[in-house]
Amino acid sequence: MSTTLPQNHLCNITLLGNLVNKPEIRYQVNPVIAIAEFVVATHSKWFDKKTNQFKEWTHYHTIKMLGDVVERSLLHAEKGDVILVQGHMVNSKKTNREIIHATYAHRYPKGYSRSINQLQCSGKISSEIKLVSTENNKQLAEFQLAINFYSFSPITQELRSISVERTLHVWGKQASDLKEHAAINDEVIINGRLSYLKDAVKSQLIDAQDVILQKQ
């Protein structure tokens, strides 16, 4: 008898930024697995027409990494080093936080580097789409996106199914188009960046640049 598997959506995050702290490496036993948690800062600049000045915003990304990649990438890492990270979103069961699980990391020496904050994902619309006007009279669409995907676990040596739900912001004409044409359970493909809500736990937010709607 065949078993219906959950949808295998895309969930891919690439960051290039600076280490906010020296990664603390610890080891789990049975089996022995290296574990590290660290924070990467990425920066973005934009021109504020109200003040006629450039402004900069910094995002702080909490990242967890497991397995051999920890020692290969982080053994000699120090605060301020530039680091390239690739991974996916995950809900931390132990700390009840929304973090990034990294599957790849590479360290570069301290110094100036432009940041990268890229997110590509797909998923199902899981809530009503709301149109919101910002303080600067810009329009955005806000809704929840359900993402289901698979990731290999270095602990169990098996593929595990992961389900996350994140708030998605879509701007401009794409916002009104989605409100008019999209419905709950429709799929969307997203190219954007990872941001964070200003709530108590700094929940992850997908800030979309390009959205492709796939009707069911």
Protein backbone atom coordinates (compact mmCIF):
# COMPACT_ATOMS: atom_id res chain seq x y z
CA MET A 1 0.00 0.00 0.00
CA SER A 2 1.44 3.38 -1.00
CA THR A 3 1.72 6.17 1.56
CA THR A 4 1.03 9.77 0.63
CA LEU A 5 4.02 11.87 1.62
CA PRO A 6 3.82 15.56 2.59
CA GLN A 7 4.57 18.11 -0.12
CA ASN A 8 8.30 18.68 -0.58
CA HIS A 9 8.50 22.46 -0.75
CA LEU A 10 11.61 24.55 -1.30
CA CYS A 11 13.16 26.21 1.75
CA ASN A 12 16.60 27.67 1.12
CA ILE A 13 18.37 30.56 2.89
CA THR A 14 21.77 32.04 2.00
CA LEU A 15 23.43 34.59 4.29
CA LEU A 16 26.74 36.43 4.16
CA GLY A 17 27.44 38.51 7.23
CA ASN A 18 29.56 38.94 10.36
CA LEU A 19 29.72 36.68 13.38
CA VAL A 20 28.23 38.54 16.35
CA ASN A 21 29.81 36.12 18.81
CA LYS A 22 32.46 33.42 18.85
CA PRO A 23 30.62 30.13 18.15
CA GLU A 24 30.46 27.84 21.16
CA ILE A 25 31.02 24.25 20.07
CA ARG A 26 29.71 21.45 22.26
CA TYR A 27 29.30 17.73 21.73
CA GLN A 28 26.37 15.36 22.06
CA VAL A 29 27.12 11.74 22.92
CA ASN A 30 25.63 8.51 21.57
CA PRO A 31 26.47 9.26 18.81
CA VAL A 32 29.14 11.94 19.21
CA ILE A 33 27.88 14.96 17.24
CA ALA A 34 29.34 18.47 17.22
CA ILE A 35 26.74 21.22 17.83
CA ALA A 36 27.18 24.98 17.51
CA GLU A 37 24.86 27.95 17.84
CA PHE A 38 25.83 31.46 16.76
CA VAL A 39 24.41 34.75 15.48
CA VAL A 40 25.14 36.30 12.07
CA ALA A 41 24.48 39.99 11.35
CA THR A 42 23.48 41.07 7.84
CA HIS A 43 23.05 44.70 6.77
CA SER A 44 20.85 46.43 4.20
CA LYS A 45 20.80 50.05 3.04
CA TRP A 46 18.02 52.10 1.50
CA PHE A 47 17.34 55.74 0.63
CA ASP A 48 14.77 57.47 2.84
CA LYS A 49 12.97 60.11 0.76
CA LYS A 50 11.57 61.80 3.88
CA THR A 51 14.99 62.56 5.36
CA ASN A 52 16.87 62.55 2.02
CA GLN A 53 19.46 60.25 3.60
CA PHE A 54 20.61 56.67 3.33
CA LYS A 55 19.61 54.44 6.24
CA GLU A 56 20.95 51.07 7.32
CA TRP A 57 19.10 48.18 8.93
CA THR A 58 20.76 45.21 10.61
CA HIS A 59 19.18 41.76 10.90
CA TYR A 60 20.44 39.30 13.51
CA HIS A 61 20.01 35.66 12.51
CA THR A 62 20.25 32.87 15.11
CA ILE A 63 21.82 29.80 13.51
CA LYS A 64 22.28 26.24 14.70
CA MET A 65 24.57 23.73 13.02
CA LEU A 66 25.17 20.02 13.62
CA GLY A 67 27.66 17.41 12.47
CA ASP A 68 31.09 17.40 10.81
CA VAL A 69 30.49 20.77 9.15
CA VAL A 70 30.77 22.44 12.59
CA GLU A 71 34.46 21.62 13.07
CA ARG A 72 35.31 22.16 9.40
CA SER A 73 33.77 25.65 9.38
CA LEU A 74 33.81 27.03 12.91
CA LEU A 75 36.73 25.53 14.86
CA HIS A 76 38.84 28.71 14.48
CA ALA A 77 36.02 31.22 13.97
CA GLU A 78 36.09 34.43 15.97
CA LYS A 79 33.72 37.32 16.64
CA GLY A 80 33.63 39.68 13.65
CA ASP A 81 34.66 37.10 11.04
CA VAL A 82 32.76 37.12 7.76
CA ILE A 83 30.77 33.94 7.26
CA LEU A 84 28.78 32.45 4.40
CA VAL A 85 25.89 30.26 5.56
CA GLN A 86 23.30 28.16 3.77
CA GLY A 87 20.39 26.41 5.47
CA HIS A 88 16.66 26.39 6.12
CA MET A 89 14.12 27.69 8.63
CA VAL A 90 13.22 25.51 11.60
CA ASN A 91 11.30 25.75 14.87
CA SER A 92 13.54 25.05 17.86
CA LYS A 93 11.64 22.66 20.14
CA LYS A 94 14.04 23.19 23.04
CA THR A 95 13.92 27.00 23.13
CA ASN A 96 10.63 27.68 21.30
CA ARG A 97 12.35 29.99 18.80
CA GLU A 98 12.26 30.31 15.03
CA ILE A 99 15.87 29.89 13.88
CA ILE A 100 17.98 28.77 10.92
CA HIS A 101 19.41 25.27 10.68
CA ALA A 102 22.65 25.55 8.69
CA THR A 103 23.86 22.73 6.45
CA TYR A 104 26.85 24.67 5.06
CA ALA A 105 29.13 27.40 6.39
CA HIS A 106 32.46 28.90 5.31
CA ARG A 107 34.47 31.44 7.29
CA TYR A 108 36.46 34.38 5.91
CA PRO A 109 38.82 36.77 7.78
CA LYS A 110 37.50 39.88 9.49
CA GLY A 111 36.91 42.86 7.22
CA TYR A 112 34.28 44.75 5.28
CA SER A 113 31.97 42.71 3.09
CA ARG A 114 28.62 43.47 1.51
CA SER A 115 25.89 41.35 3.05
CA ILE A 116 23.80 38.68 1.36
CA ASN A 117 20.32 37.85 2.64
CA GLN A 118 18.55 35.65 0.12
CA LEU A 119 15.57 33.37 0.66
CA GLN A 120 13.94 31.11 -1.90
CA CYS A 121 10.96 29.05 -0.82
CA SER A 122 7.62 27.66 -1.86
CA GLY A 123 4.55 26.82 0.18
CA LYS A 124 0.80 26.96 0.58
CA ILE A 125 -1.20 30.02 1.57
CA SER A 126 -2.66 29.06 4.95
CA SER A 127 -4.57 32.18 6.00
CA GLU A 128 -6.69 34.99 4.62
CA ILE A 129 -4.71 37.59 2.65
CA LYS A 130 -4.92 41.04 4.28
CA LEU A 131 -4.00 44.33 2.61
CA VAL A 132 -2.16 46.68 4.98
CA SER A 133 -1.08 50.31 4.50
CA THR A 134 2.20 51.36 6.10
CA GLU A 135 3.11 54.69 7.71
CA ASN A 136 4.70 55.72 4.39
CA ASN A 137 1.45 55.01 2.50
CA LYS A 138 2.83 51.87 0.91
CA GLN A 139 0.62 48.82 0.48
CA LEU A 140 1.52 45.29 1.40
CA ALA A 141 -0.24 41.94 1.52
CA GLU A 142 0.19 39.89 4.70
CA PHE A 143 -0.64 36.21 5.13
CA GLN A 144 0.67 32.95 6.58
CA LEU A 145 2.69 30.55 4.45
CA ALA A 146 2.88 26.83 5.31
CA ILE A 147 6.11 25.17 4.16
CA ASN A 148 6.74 21.40 4.29
CA PHE A 149 10.11 19.96 3.28
CA TYR A 150 12.67 17.26 4.05
CA SER A 151 16.08 17.55 5.68
CA PHE A 152 18.76 14.95 6.40
CA SER A 153 19.48 14.54 10.13
CA PRO A 154 23.14 13.88 11.07
CA ILE A 155 21.90 12.46 14.38
CA THR A 156 19.41 9.83 13.12
CA GLN A 157 21.02 9.52 9.66
CA GLU A 158 17.55 9.76 8.13
CA LEU A 159 15.47 12.21 6.17
CA ARG A 160 13.01 13.97 8.43
CA SER A 161 9.89 15.87 7.47
CA ILE A 162 9.84 19.50 8.65
CA SER A 163 6.82 21.79 8.74
CA VAL A 164 7.05 25.53 9.43
CA GLU A 165 4.59 28.39 9.09
CA ARG A 166 5.80 31.94 8.58
CA THR A 167 4.28 35.40 8.04
CA LEU A 168 4.81 36.66 4.49
CA HIS A 169 4.85 40.29 3.33
CA VAL A 170 4.34 41.11 -0.35
CA TRP A 171 4.62 44.69 -1.60
CA GLY A 172 3.21 46.94 -4.33
CA LYS A 173 1.19 45.68 -7.28
CA GLN A 174 1.98 42.07 -6.39
CA ALA A 175 0.09 42.64 -3.12
CA SER A 176 -3.16 43.70 -4.81
CA ASP A 177 -2.82 40.95 -7.46
CA LEU A 178 -2.53 38.28 -4.78
CA LYS A 179 -5.49 39.69 -2.86
CA GLU A 180 -7.60 39.50 -6.02
CA HIS A 181 -6.51 36.15 -7.43
CA ALA A 182 -5.06 33.97 -4.64
CA ALA A 183 -6.90 31.79 -2.14
CA ILE A 184 -6.12 29.57 0.85
CA ASN A 185 -4.26 26.39 -0.23
CA ASP A 186 -2.91 27.97 -3.42
CA GLU A 187 0.84 27.56 -3.77
CA VAL A 188 3.31 30.42 -4.16
CA ILE A 189 6.99 30.47 -5.08
CA ILE A 190 8.95 33.19 -3.31
CA ASN A 191 12.22 35.02 -3.90
CA GLY A 192 13.00 37.43 -1.07
CA ARG A 193 14.86 37.87 2.18
CA LEU A 194 14.56 36.82 5.81
CA SER A 195 13.45 39.51 8.24
CA TYR A 196 11.99 39.52 11.76
CA LEU A 197 8.82 40.78 13.42
CA LYS A 198 9.04 43.25 16.30
CA ASP A 199 7.44 40.86 18.77
CA ALA A 200 8.76 39.45 22.04
CA VAL A 201 10.39 36.41 20.41
CA LYS A 202 11.51 38.12 17.15
CA SER A 203 9.53 35.77 14.93
CA GLN A 204 10.86 35.19 11.42
CA LEU A 205 9.25 37.12 8.57
CA ILE A 206 9.56 36.46 4.84
CA ASP A 207 9.92 39.76 2.99
CA ALA A 208 9.07 38.83 -0.61
CA GLN A 209 10.56 40.53 -3.67
CA ASP A 210 9.06 38.25 -6.33
CA VAL A 211 6.00 36.03 -5.94
CA ILE A 212 4.73 33.47 -8.45
CA LEU A 213 1.21 32.16 -7.83
CA GLN A 214 0.34 28.56 -8.69
CA LYS A 215 -3.43 28.00 -8.60
CA GLN A 216 -4.73 24.67 -7.33
